[in-house]
Amino acid sequence: MSDLLTSAEVNRQIDDLLLTGKAQTASQAEEMFLDDHLPDLVRLVQELNDEELARHEAIKLLMSHGSRRREDAL
């Protein structure tokens, strides 16, 4: 389980997207991160318990972006 994506890695990668100019906004960097790491997110869901999932930065990020476009369209 040591090769799972860590919360610290989530924040570092999002920061890197912003600092390198690959993303112009924090929201864009977060969306890019989620798009690029879908297999990692699936592994987290498969291997972590509910409590660990609730604390993980990648899952928090996914939940905050999850249905935003759909809600905005209503």
C-alpha atoms as a PDB file:
ATOM      1  CA  MET A   1       0.000   0.000   0.000  1.00  0.00           C
ATOM      2  CA  SER A   2       3.035   2.301   0.202  1.00  0.00           C
ATOM      3  CA  ASP A   3       2.788   3.125  -3.508  1.00  0.00           C
ATOM      4  CA  LEU A   4      -0.633   4.720  -3.120  1.00  0.00           C
ATOM      5  CA  LEU A   5      -0.984   8.403  -3.869  1.00  0.00           C
ATOM      6  CA  THR A   6      -0.444  10.432  -0.693  1.00  0.00           C
ATOM      7  CA  SER A   7      -2.256  13.596   0.374  1.00  0.00           C
ATOM      8  CA  ALA A   8       1.049  15.483   0.307  1.00  0.00           C
ATOM      9  CA  GLU A   9       1.654  14.352  -3.274  1.00  0.00           C
ATOM     10  CA  VAL A  10      -1.764  15.670  -4.320  1.00  0.00           C
ATOM     11  CA  ASN A  11      -0.961  19.156  -3.049  1.00  0.00           C
ATOM     12  CA  ARG A  12       2.552  19.117  -4.507  1.00  0.00           C
ATOM     13  CA  GLN A  13       1.356  18.110  -7.962  1.00  0.00           C
ATOM     14  CA  ILE A  14      -1.355  20.769  -8.008  1.00  0.00           C
ATOM     15  CA  ASP A  15       1.192  23.379  -6.926  1.00  0.00           C
ATOM     16  CA  ASP A  16       3.549  22.203  -9.682  1.00  0.00           C
ATOM     17  CA  LEU A  17       0.836  22.604 -12.324  1.00  0.00           C
ATOM     18  CA  LEU A  18       0.357  26.205 -11.221  1.00  0.00           C
ATOM     19  CA  LEU A  19       4.032  27.067 -10.810  1.00  0.00           C
ATOM     20  CA  THR A  20       4.992  25.676 -14.216  1.00  0.00           C
ATOM     21  CA  GLY A  21       2.157  27.547 -15.923  1.00  0.00           C
ATOM     22  CA  LYS A  22       0.442  24.373 -17.136  1.00  0.00           C
ATOM     23  CA  ALA A  23      -2.662  25.551 -15.260  1.00  0.00           C
ATOM     24  CA  GLN A  24      -3.754  29.164 -15.014  1.00  0.00           C
ATOM     25  CA  THR A  25      -6.020  28.811 -11.985  1.00  0.00           C
ATOM     26  CA  ALA A  26      -6.250  26.585  -8.931  1.00  0.00           C
ATOM     27  CA  SER A  27      -9.525  25.153 -10.204  1.00  0.00           C
ATOM     28  CA  GLN A  28      -7.948  24.313 -13.549  1.00  0.00           C
ATOM     29  CA  ALA A  29      -4.972  22.654 -11.805  1.00  0.00           C
ATOM     30  CA  GLU A  30      -7.316  20.598  -9.646  1.00  0.00           C
ATOM     31  CA  GLU A  31      -9.332  19.442 -12.652  1.00  0.00           C
ATOM     32  CA  MET A  32      -6.158  18.540 -14.532  1.00  0.00           C
ATOM     33  CA  PHE A  33      -4.920  16.584 -11.526  1.00  0.00           C
ATOM     34  CA  LEU A  34      -8.178  14.647 -11.220  1.00  0.00           C
ATOM     35  CA  ASP A  35      -8.264  13.875 -14.950  1.00  0.00           C
ATOM     36  CA  ASP A  36      -4.658  12.663 -14.912  1.00  0.00           C
ATOM     37  CA  HIS A  37      -5.021  10.514 -11.782  1.00  0.00           C
ATOM     38  CA  LEU A  38      -8.289   8.638 -12.208  1.00  0.00           C
ATOM     39  CA  PRO A  39      -6.594   5.204 -11.886  1.00  0.00           C
ATOM     40  CA  ASP A  40      -4.938   6.387  -8.645  1.00  0.00           C
ATOM     41  CA  LEU A  41      -8.299   7.515  -7.280  1.00  0.00           C
ATOM     42  CA  VAL A  42      -9.812   4.118  -8.059  1.00  0.00           C
ATOM     43  CA  ARG A  43      -6.966   2.405  -6.195  1.00  0.00           C
ATOM     44  CA  LEU A  44      -7.547   4.631  -3.169  1.00  0.00           C
ATOM     45  CA  VAL A  45     -11.222   3.659  -3.109  1.00  0.00           C
ATOM     46  CA  GLN A  46     -10.325  -0.007  -3.408  1.00  0.00           C
ATOM     47  CA  GLU A  47      -7.636  -0.040  -0.726  1.00  0.00           C
ATOM     48  CA  LEU A  48      -8.501   2.539   1.944  1.00  0.00           C
ATOM     49  CA  ASN A  49     -11.208   2.222   4.566  1.00  0.00           C
ATOM     50  CA  ASP A  50     -13.966   4.842   4.859  1.00  0.00           C
ATOM     51  CA  GLU A  51     -12.159   6.855   7.524  1.00  0.00           C
ATOM     52  CA  GLU A  52      -8.920   6.988   5.526  1.00  0.00           C
ATOM     53  CA  LEU A  53     -10.824   7.952   2.385  1.00  0.00           C
ATOM     54  CA  ALA A  54     -12.587  10.801   4.154  1.00  0.00           C
ATOM     55  CA  ARG A  55      -9.223  12.273   5.205  1.00  0.00           C
ATOM     56  CA  HIS A  56      -7.395  11.858   1.897  1.00  0.00           C
ATOM     57  CA  GLU A  57      -6.826  15.087  -0.065  1.00  0.00           C
ATOM     58  CA  ALA A  58      -7.459  13.451  -3.446  1.00  0.00           C
ATOM     59  CA  ILE A  59     -10.880  12.203  -2.340  1.00  0.00           C
ATOM     60  CA  LYS A  60     -11.766  15.571  -0.786  1.00  0.00           C
ATOM     61  CA  LEU A  61     -10.796  17.197  -4.064  1.00  0.00           C
ATOM     62  CA  LEU A  62     -12.845  14.723  -6.084  1.00  0.00           C
ATOM     63  CA  MET A  63     -15.887  15.301  -3.895  1.00  0.00           C
ATOM     64  CA  SER A  64     -15.600  19.069  -4.193  1.00  0.00           C
ATOM     65  CA  HIS A  65     -15.416  18.889  -8.003  1.00  0.00           C
ATOM     66  CA  GLY A  66     -17.654  15.867  -8.502  1.00  0.00           C
ATOM     67  CA  SER A  67     -20.997  17.302  -9.581  1.00  0.00           C
ATOM     68  CA  ARG A  68     -20.305  21.015  -9.783  1.00  0.00           C
ATOM     69  CA  ARG A  69     -20.885  21.321 -13.554  1.00  0.00           C
ATOM     70  CA  ARG A  70     -24.124  19.395 -13.344  1.00  0.00           C
ATOM     71  CA  GLU A  71     -25.361  21.496 -10.425  1.00  0.00           C
ATOM     72  CA  ASP A  72     -24.452  24.714 -12.226  1.00  0.00           C
ATOM     73  CA  ALA A  73     -26.460  23.607 -15.247  1.00  0.00           C
ATOM     74  CA  LEU A  74     -29.664  23.178 -13.228  1.00  0.00           C
END
